[in-house]
Amino acid sequence: MCHPVGFPRRPRPHLNVIGFDPSMPAATIQATVDTVTGLGASPSDVTINGHVDVDNQCDEDGCRALSTATVRQ
């Protein structure tokens, strides 16, 4: 969101959105994800309302995507 110079940014606490892009270091992305997944005493204590997009990442050790997640409908 862009704001004209001289106009203060209005906080929007009802929007809890975190965005990542390919130019971000993997360590930065992981640290941010860890803060979200660490909200509860166990992974089942965290609820994500909405969606999570995960791209599979492959290296010489195999392929990884989202793990230890439970999907409830």
PDB file of N, CA and C in Angstrom:
ATOM      1  N   MET A   1       0.844  -1.152   0.000  1.00  0.00           N
ATOM      2  CA  MET A   1       0.000   0.000   0.000  1.00  0.00           C
ATOM      3  C   MET A   1       0.900   1.228   0.000  1.00  0.00           C
ATOM      4  N   CYS A   2       0.656   2.145  -0.892  1.00  0.00           N
ATOM      5  CA  CYS A   2       1.427   3.381  -0.981  1.00  0.00           C
ATOM      6  C   CYS A   2       0.650   4.512  -0.330  1.00  0.00           C
ATOM      7  N   HIS A   3       1.381   5.411   0.303  1.00  0.00           N
ATOM      8  CA  HIS A   3       0.763   6.562   0.952  1.00  0.00           C
ATOM      9  C   HIS A   3       1.460   7.817   0.470  1.00  0.00           C
ATOM     10  N   PRO A   4       0.708   8.843   0.108  1.00  0.00           N
ATOM     11  CA  PRO A   4       1.326  10.094  -0.330  1.00  0.00           C
ATOM     12  C   PRO A   4       2.181  10.700   0.778  1.00  0.00           C
ATOM     13  N   VAL A   5       3.230  11.403   0.383  1.00  0.00           N
ATOM     14  CA  VAL A   5       4.101  12.069   1.350  1.00  0.00           C
ATOM     15  C   VAL A   5       3.268  13.042   2.161  1.00  0.00           C
ATOM     16  N   GLY A   6       3.480  13.063   3.459  1.00  0.00           N
ATOM     17  CA  GLY A   6       2.759  13.974   4.328  1.00  0.00           C
ATOM     18  C   GLY A   6       1.489  13.395   4.927  1.00  0.00           C
ATOM     19  N   PHE A   7       1.060  12.236   4.441  1.00  0.00           N
ATOM     20  CA  PHE A   7      -0.126  11.604   4.991  1.00  0.00           C
ATOM     21  C   PHE A   7       0.305  10.402   5.825  1.00  0.00           C
ATOM     22  N   PRO A   8      -0.102  10.346   7.085  1.00  0.00           N
ATOM     23  CA  PRO A   8       0.299   9.204   7.915  1.00  0.00           C
ATOM     24  C   PRO A   8      -0.389   7.925   7.457  1.00  0.00           C
ATOM     25  N   ARG A   9       0.281   6.837   7.657  1.00  0.00           N
ATOM     26  CA  ARG A   9      -0.291   5.530   7.337  1.00  0.00           C
ATOM     27  C   ARG A   9      -1.261   5.144   8.446  1.00  0.00           C
ATOM     28  N   ARG A  10      -2.453   4.764   8.081  1.00  0.00           N
ATOM     29  CA  ARG A  10      -3.440   4.329   9.066  1.00  0.00           C
ATOM     30  C   ARG A  10      -3.262   2.840   9.320  1.00  0.00           C
ATOM     31  N   PRO A  11      -3.105   2.452  10.583  1.00  0.00           N
ATOM     32  CA  PRO A  11      -2.951   1.021  10.878  1.00  0.00           C
ATOM     33  C   PRO A  11      -4.227   0.258  10.548  1.00  0.00           C
ATOM     34  N   ARG A  12      -4.053  -0.955  10.081  1.00  0.00           N
ATOM     35  CA  ARG A  12      -5.193  -1.804   9.743  1.00  0.00           C
ATOM     36  C   ARG A  12      -5.003  -3.151  10.437  1.00  0.00           C
ATOM     37  N   PRO A  13      -5.239  -3.199  11.757  1.00  0.00           N
ATOM     38  CA  PRO A  13      -4.951  -4.419  12.517  1.00  0.00           C
ATOM     39  C   PRO A  13      -5.789  -5.623  12.101  1.00  0.00           C
ATOM     40  N   HIS A  14      -6.880  -5.402  11.382  1.00  0.00           N
ATOM     41  CA  HIS A  14      -7.708  -6.530  10.965  1.00  0.00           C
ATOM     42  C   HIS A  14      -7.107  -7.272   9.774  1.00  0.00           C
ATOM     43  N   LEU A  15      -6.059  -6.731   9.183  1.00  0.00           N
ATOM     44  CA  LEU A  15      -5.405  -7.407   8.062  1.00  0.00           C
ATOM     45  C   LEU A  15      -4.135  -8.080   8.563  1.00  0.00           C
ATOM     46  N   ASN A  16      -4.168  -9.374   8.694  1.00  0.00           N
ATOM     47  CA  ASN A  16      -3.001 -10.136   9.129  1.00  0.00           C
ATOM     48  C   ASN A  16      -2.471 -10.907   7.934  1.00  0.00           C
ATOM     49  N   VAL A  17      -1.743 -10.214   7.098  1.00  0.00           N
ATOM     50  CA  VAL A  17      -1.241 -10.789   5.858  1.00  0.00           C
ATOM     51  C   VAL A  17       0.271 -10.685   5.848  1.00  0.00           C
ATOM     52  N   ILE A  18       0.918 -11.765   5.500  1.00  0.00           N
ATOM     53  CA  ILE A  18       2.372 -11.777   5.347  1.00  0.00           C
ATOM     54  C   ILE A  18       2.652 -12.213   3.920  1.00  0.00           C
ATOM     55  N   GLY A  19       3.421 -11.420   3.198  1.00  0.00           N
ATOM     56  CA  GLY A  19       3.759 -11.752   1.815  1.00  0.00           C
ATOM     57  C   GLY A  19       5.240 -12.043   1.668  1.00  0.00           C
ATOM     58  N   PHE A  20       5.562 -12.961   0.799  1.00  0.00           N
ATOM     59  CA  PHE A  20       6.945 -13.307   0.489  1.00  0.00           C
ATOM     60  C   PHE A  20       7.135 -13.215  -1.017  1.00  0.00           C
ATOM     61  N   ASP A  21       8.359 -12.914  -1.432  1.00  0.00           N
ATOM     62  CA  ASP A  21       8.661 -12.950  -2.857  1.00  0.00           C
ATOM     63  C   ASP A  21       9.995 -13.648  -3.058  1.00  0.00           C
ATOM     64  N   PRO A  22      10.263 -14.121  -4.271  1.00  0.00           N
ATOM     65  CA  PRO A  22      11.467 -14.910  -4.529  1.00  0.00           C
ATOM     66  C   PRO A  22      12.781 -14.193  -4.227  1.00  0.00           C
ATOM     67  N   SER A  23      12.774 -12.867  -4.156  1.00  0.00           N
ATOM     68  CA  SER A  23      14.023 -12.149  -3.886  1.00  0.00           C
ATOM     69  C   SER A  23      14.398 -12.157  -2.407  1.00  0.00           C
ATOM     70  N   MET A  24      13.483 -12.577  -1.542  1.00  0.00           N
ATOM     71  CA  MET A  24      13.750 -12.586  -0.104  1.00  0.00           C
ATOM     72  C   MET A  24      14.639 -13.770   0.257  1.00  0.00           C
ATOM     73  N   PRO A  25      15.600 -13.560   1.178  1.00  0.00           N
ATOM     74  CA  PRO A  25      16.443 -14.676   1.617  1.00  0.00           C
ATOM     75  C   PRO A  25      15.604 -15.756   2.307  1.00  0.00           C
ATOM     76  N   ALA A  26      15.959 -17.002   2.063  1.00  0.00           N
ATOM     77  CA  ALA A  26      15.219 -18.120   2.655  1.00  0.00           C
ATOM     78  C   ALA A  26      15.214 -18.037   4.177  1.00  0.00           C
ATOM     79  N   ALA A  27      16.307 -17.583   4.774  1.00  0.00           N
ATOM     80  CA  ALA A  27      16.380 -17.477   6.236  1.00  0.00           C
ATOM     81  C   ALA A  27      15.367 -16.464   6.772  1.00  0.00           C
ATOM     82  N   THR A  28      15.158 -15.383   6.048  1.00  0.00           N
ATOM     83  CA  THR A  28      14.180 -14.372   6.460  1.00  0.00           C
ATOM     84  C   THR A  28      12.771 -14.941   6.393  1.00  0.00           C
ATOM     85  N   ILE A  29      12.480 -15.651   5.315  1.00  0.00           N
ATOM     86  CA  ILE A  29      11.162 -16.264   5.163  1.00  0.00           C
ATOM     87  C   ILE A  29      10.936 -17.287   6.266  1.00  0.00           C
ATOM     88  N   GLN A  30      11.937 -18.137   6.518  1.00  0.00           N
ATOM     89  CA  GLN A  30      11.789 -19.172   7.543  1.00  0.00           C
ATOM     90  C   GLN A  30      11.590 -18.561   8.918  1.00  0.00           C
ATOM     91  N   ALA A  31      12.333 -17.501   9.241  1.00  0.00           N
ATOM     92  CA  ALA A  31      12.181 -16.848  10.541  1.00  0.00           C
ATOM     93  C   ALA A  31      10.774 -16.286  10.708  1.00  0.00           C
ATOM     94  N   THR A  32      10.219 -15.737   9.640  1.00  0.00           N
ATOM     95  CA  THR A  32       8.860 -15.198   9.701  1.00  0.00           C
ATOM     96  C   THR A  32       7.846 -16.317   9.882  1.00  0.00           C
ATOM     97  N   VAL A  33       8.006 -17.398   9.136  1.00  0.00           N
ATOM     98  CA  VAL A  33       7.097 -18.539   9.260  1.00  0.00           C
ATOM     99  C   VAL A  33       7.189 -19.138  10.660  1.00  0.00           C
ATOM    100  N   ASP A  34       8.389 -19.218  11.209  1.00  0.00           N
ATOM    101  CA  ASP A  34       8.566 -19.764  12.555  1.00  0.00           C
ATOM    102  C   ASP A  34       7.812 -18.948  13.600  1.00  0.00           C
ATOM    103  N   THR A  35       7.741 -17.631  13.424  1.00  0.00           N
ATOM    104  CA  THR A  35       7.005 -16.816  14.391  1.00  0.00           C
ATOM    105  C   THR A  35       5.513 -17.090  14.311  1.00  0.00           C
ATOM    106  N   VAL A  36       5.015 -17.417  13.127  1.00  0.00           N
ATOM    107  CA  VAL A  36       3.591 -17.732  12.984  1.00  0.00           C
ATOM    108  C   VAL A  36       3.306 -19.104  13.557  1.00  0.00           C
ATOM    109  N   THR A  37       4.104 -20.101  13.199  1.00  0.00           N
ATOM    110  CA  THR A  37       3.860 -21.455  13.675  1.00  0.00           C
ATOM    111  C   THR A  37       4.141 -21.585  15.158  1.00  0.00           C
ATOM    112  N   GLY A  38       4.870 -20.634  15.731  1.00  0.00           N
ATOM    113  CA  GLY A  38       5.175 -20.682  17.154  1.00  0.00           C
ATOM    114  C   GLY A  38       4.146 -20.001  18.027  1.00  0.00           C
ATOM    115  N   LEU A  39       2.987 -19.666  17.478  1.00  0.00           N
ATOM    116  CA  LEU A  39       1.978 -18.960  18.262  1.00  0.00           C
ATOM    117  C   LEU A  39       1.327 -19.835  19.321  1.00  0.00           C
ATOM    118  N   GLY A  40       1.287 -21.124  19.112  1.00  0.00           N
ATOM    119  CA  GLY A  40       0.639 -22.018  20.061  1.00  0.00           C
ATOM    120  C   GLY A  40       1.644 -22.939  20.723  1.00  0.00           C
ATOM    121  N   ALA A  41       1.203 -23.598  21.782  1.00  0.00           N
ATOM    122  CA  ALA A  41       2.081 -24.542  22.474  1.00  0.00           C
ATOM    123  C   ALA A  41       2.391 -25.746  21.594  1.00  0.00           C
ATOM    124  N   SER A  42       1.482 -26.076  20.691  1.00  0.00           N
ATOM    125  CA  SER A  42       1.726 -27.150  19.731  1.00  0.00           C
ATOM    126  C   SER A  42       1.181 -26.693  18.380  1.00  0.00           C
ATOM    127  N   PRO A  43       1.605 -27.336  17.293  1.00  0.00           N
ATOM    128  CA  PRO A  43       1.116 -26.923  15.971  1.00  0.00           C
ATOM    129  C   PRO A  43      -0.406 -26.942  15.854  1.00  0.00           C
ATOM    130  N   SER A  44      -1.063 -27.820  16.595  1.00  0.00           N
ATOM    131  CA  SER A  44      -2.525 -27.886  16.500  1.00  0.00           C
ATOM    132  C   SER A  44      -3.210 -26.708  17.191  1.00  0.00           C
ATOM    133  N   ASP A  45      -2.443 -25.892  17.923  1.00  0.00           N
ATOM    134  CA  ASP A  45      -2.998 -24.701  18.570  1.00  0.00           C
ATOM    135  C   ASP A  45      -3.070 -23.502  17.635  1.00  0.00           C
ATOM    136  N   VAL A  46      -2.557 -23.642  16.417  1.00  0.00           N
ATOM    137  CA  VAL A  46      -2.521 -22.531  15.466  1.00  0.00           C
ATOM    138  C   VAL A  46      -3.547 -22.786  14.370  1.00  0.00           C
ATOM    139  N   THR A  47      -4.360 -21.784  14.080  1.00  0.00           N
ATOM    140  CA  THR A  47      -5.353 -21.881  13.015  1.00  0.00           C
ATOM    141  C   THR A  47      -5.075 -20.802  11.986  1.00  0.00           C
ATOM    142  N   ILE A  48      -5.004 -21.187  10.738  1.00  0.00           N
ATOM    143  CA  ILE A  48      -4.846 -20.238   9.642  1.00  0.00           C
ATOM    144  C   ILE A  48      -6.181 -20.179   8.922  1.00  0.00           C
ATOM    145  N   ASN A  49      -6.821 -19.035   8.964  1.00  0.00           N
ATOM    146  CA  ASN A  49      -8.079 -18.832   8.245  1.00  0.00           C
ATOM    147  C   ASN A  49      -7.736 -18.224   6.897  1.00  0.00           C
ATOM    148  N   GLY A  50      -7.955 -18.967   5.861  1.00  0.00           N
ATOM    149  CA  GLY A  50      -7.593 -18.496   4.528  1.00  0.00           C
ATOM    150  C   GLY A  50      -6.875 -19.603   3.797  1.00  0.00           C
ATOM    151  N   HIS A  51      -5.755 -19.275   3.192  1.00  0.00           N
ATOM    152  CA  HIS A  51      -5.025 -20.293   2.452  1.00  0.00           C
ATOM    153  C   HIS A  51      -3.523 -20.095   2.605  1.00  0.00           C
ATOM    154  N   VAL A  52      -2.795 -21.165   2.343  1.00  0.00           N
ATOM    155  CA  VAL A  52      -1.336 -21.155   2.345  1.00  0.00           C
ATOM    156  C   VAL A  52      -0.900 -21.699   0.999  1.00  0.00           C
ATOM    157  N   ASP A  53      -0.110 -20.936   0.273  1.00  0.00           N
ATOM    158  CA  ASP A  53       0.452 -21.396  -0.994  1.00  0.00           C
ATOM    159  C   ASP A  53       1.884 -21.838  -0.745  1.00  0.00           C
ATOM    160  N   VAL A  54       2.205 -23.064  -1.125  1.00  0.00           N
ATOM    161  CA  VAL A  54       3.536 -23.614  -0.897  1.00  0.00           C
ATOM    162  C   VAL A  54       4.065 -24.162  -2.207  1.00  0.00           C
ATOM    163  N   ASP A  55       5.250 -23.709  -2.598  1.00  0.00           N
ATOM    164  CA  ASP A  55       5.919 -24.255  -3.776  1.00  0.00           C
ATOM    165  C   ASP A  55       6.916 -25.307  -3.317  1.00  0.00           C
ATOM    166  N   ASN A  56       6.906 -26.455  -3.979  1.00  0.00           N
ATOM    167  CA  ASN A  56       7.834 -27.522  -3.666  1.00  0.00           C
ATOM    168  C   ASN A  56       9.263 -27.074  -3.949  1.00  0.00           C
ATOM    169  N   GLN A  57      10.167 -27.342  -3.028  1.00  0.00           N
ATOM    170  CA  GLN A  57      11.574 -26.992  -3.198  1.00  0.00           C
ATOM    171  C   GLN A  57      12.401 -28.272  -3.232  1.00  0.00           C
ATOM    172  N   CYS A  58      13.139 -28.488  -4.306  1.00  0.00           N
ATOM    173  CA  CYS A  58      13.942 -29.699  -4.448  1.00  0.00           C
ATOM    174  C   CYS A  58      15.427 -29.364  -4.419  1.00  0.00           C
ATOM    175  N   ASP A  59      16.192 -30.230  -3.764  1.00  0.00           N
ATOM    176  CA  ASP A  59      17.650 -30.142  -3.776  1.00  0.00           C
ATOM    177  C   ASP A  59      18.198 -31.562  -3.826  1.00  0.00           C
ATOM    178  N   GLU A  60      19.496 -31.724  -3.591  1.00  0.00           N
ATOM    179  CA  GLU A  60      20.103 -33.052  -3.712  1.00  0.00           C
ATOM    180  C   GLU A  60      19.590 -34.036  -2.658  1.00  0.00           C
ATOM    181  N   ASP A  61      18.990 -33.534  -1.566  1.00  0.00           N
ATOM    182  CA  ASP A  61      18.467 -34.404  -0.512  1.00  0.00           C
ATOM    183  C   ASP A  61      17.010 -34.800  -0.722  1.00  0.00           C
ATOM    184  N   GLY A  62      16.378 -34.269  -1.748  1.00  0.00           N
ATOM    185  CA  GLY A  62      14.982 -34.598  -2.004  1.00  0.00           C
ATOM    186  C   GLY A  62      14.143 -33.344  -2.152  1.00  0.00           C
ATOM    187  N   CYS A  63      12.845 -33.525  -2.083  1.00  0.00           N
ATOM    188  CA  CYS A  63      11.912 -32.408  -2.250  1.00  0.00           C
ATOM    189  C   CYS A  63      11.164 -32.144  -0.950  1.00  0.00           C
ATOM    190  N   ARG A  64      10.959 -30.877  -0.699  1.00  0.00           N
ATOM    191  CA  ARG A  64      10.243 -30.484   0.513  1.00  0.00           C
ATOM    192  C   ARG A  64       9.132 -29.511   0.163  1.00  0.00           C
ATOM    193  N   ALA A  65       8.070 -29.595   0.895  1.00  0.00           N
ATOM    194  CA  ALA A  65       6.979 -28.631   0.801  1.00  0.00           C
ATOM    195  C   ALA A  65       6.500 -28.402   2.232  1.00  0.00           C
ATOM    196  N   LEU A  66       5.280 -28.065   2.411  1.00  0.00           N
ATOM    197  CA  LEU A  66       4.732 -27.859   3.744  1.00  0.00           C
ATOM    198  C   LEU A  66       4.657 -29.193   4.467  1.00  0.00           C
ATOM    199  N   SER A  67       5.116 -29.227   5.706  1.00  0.00           N
ATOM    200  CA  SER A  67       5.059 -30.469   6.474  1.00  0.00           C
ATOM    201  C   SER A  67       4.433 -30.206   7.837  1.00  0.00           C
ATOM    202  N   THR A  68       4.049 -31.250   8.477  1.00  0.00           N
ATOM    203  CA  THR A  68       3.409 -31.236   9.795  1.00  0.00           C
ATOM    204  C   THR A  68       2.209 -30.305   9.862  1.00  0.00           C
ATOM    205  N   ALA A  69       1.454 -30.238   8.787  1.00  0.00           N
ATOM    206  CA  ALA A  69       0.243 -29.419   8.773  1.00  0.00           C
ATOM    207  C   ALA A  69      -0.972 -30.332   8.694  1.00  0.00           C
ATOM    208  N   THR A  70      -2.016 -29.951   9.367  1.00  0.00           N
ATOM    209  CA  THR A  70      -3.273 -30.679   9.325  1.00  0.00           C
ATOM    210  C   THR A  70      -4.302 -29.799   8.643  1.00  0.00           C
ATOM    211  N   VAL A  71      -4.981 -30.354   7.648  1.00  0.00           N
ATOM    212  CA  VAL A  71      -6.001 -29.602   6.926  1.00  0.00           C
ATOM    213  C   VAL A  71      -7.362 -30.081   7.403  1.00  0.00           C
ATOM    214  N   ARG A  72      -8.159 -29.131   7.889  1.00  0.00           N
ATOM    215  CA  ARG A  72      -9.513 -29.451   8.348  1.00  0.00           C
ATOM    216  C   ARG A  72     -10.510 -28.710   7.486  1.00  0.00           C
ATOM    217  N   GLN A  73     -11.603 -29.379   7.167  1.00  0.00           N
ATOM    218  CA  GLN A  73     -12.640 -28.727   6.358  1.00  0.00           C
ATOM    219  C   GLN A  73     -13.947 -28.700   7.086  1.00  0.00           C
TER     220      GLN A  73
END
